[in-house]
Amino acid sequence: MTKHRKNYKENFLDRNMYNMSKRGQMAIFIIVAIIILALIVLIFLFKPKILGIGEIELSPNSYLSSCIEPEIKPTIEQLSKQGGYQNPEGVALYNGNKIQYLCYTGDNYKTCTIQQPMTKKNFEKELNLMLKDRANNCMNNLIKEYKKRGYEVSSGSINSELSIIPREIIVRYNAPLTVKKETAETFKNFDVRFESEMYDLLFIAQSIIESESKLGGSATELYLQYYPNLKIDKTKLSDGTTIYKLSNVVTREEFNFASRSLAWPAGYGDEE
């Protein structure tokens, strides 16, 4: 009887140990399965090309934006420091920089003549010329990317145009493009937009040179009342030239230009 009880207890314990072991193994399998599932989800989300499936959809506007954006800011900065010209002529030298005269007279006691009556349009023209090769390369790279992903691509001539509007710079691609894989998709143009306050700076510069040409100077404090983020620095040179630096204190964008108007002969004192 005692032996029977002993065997019963041993069998009971063995069964319990077996069941616990089985449940433990099952728990481990579940945990491993969860980990594997999580890894698969992560792979699909962040490394779709590893599996060759679930490839991230190609967005032409996003692709073009990321391609041309690194060139936008430095190109604008170069033009802005030189009065809106890539190769300025008729310049004032200031701190080693060539700054374009937007209003100039070589005579004393006379108001200046406007050298560039369309400041914004000229800036757009220069910026477009400087970015044209990059813009076209970005479009060609987009086409190559589509082909690399197995798309049939039909494209027309590539033409890009840049415009500056309030709070934005827009690069518009007039480039007909049809891409086909399972279905076909046709694009006529693409607009790539960047935040910018250059429009206001160029508008104010135009207004200042018009005042310089009529009055021989400008009341810059009036602009500060209407543009709270605007800063205007005026520096007088010994020959009567005024160097203007317009800047947005928030975006850090700036536009510099020179004017010589109602200048006094050397030795007659400084002007404001």
Foldseek 3Di string as FASTA:
>chain_A
DVVVVVVVVVVVVVVVVVVVVVVVVVVVVVVVVVVVVVVVVVCLVPPVVVVPPNDDDDDLQVLLQVQQVVVQVVLLQCCQQAQLANDEDCFDADPNDTHHAQWEDPDAQFFTHGPDLQSQVSNQVRSCVVCVVSSVVSVVVVVVVLVVSPKDKDKDDWDWGWHDDAQKIKIKIQMWMWIDDPHIDIDGMYIHIDGDHVVVQSVVVSVQSVCRRVPVGDPVVVVCVVQVQWDWDWDADQQQKIWIWIAGNPVRRIHIHIYHTNTDPHPPDDDD
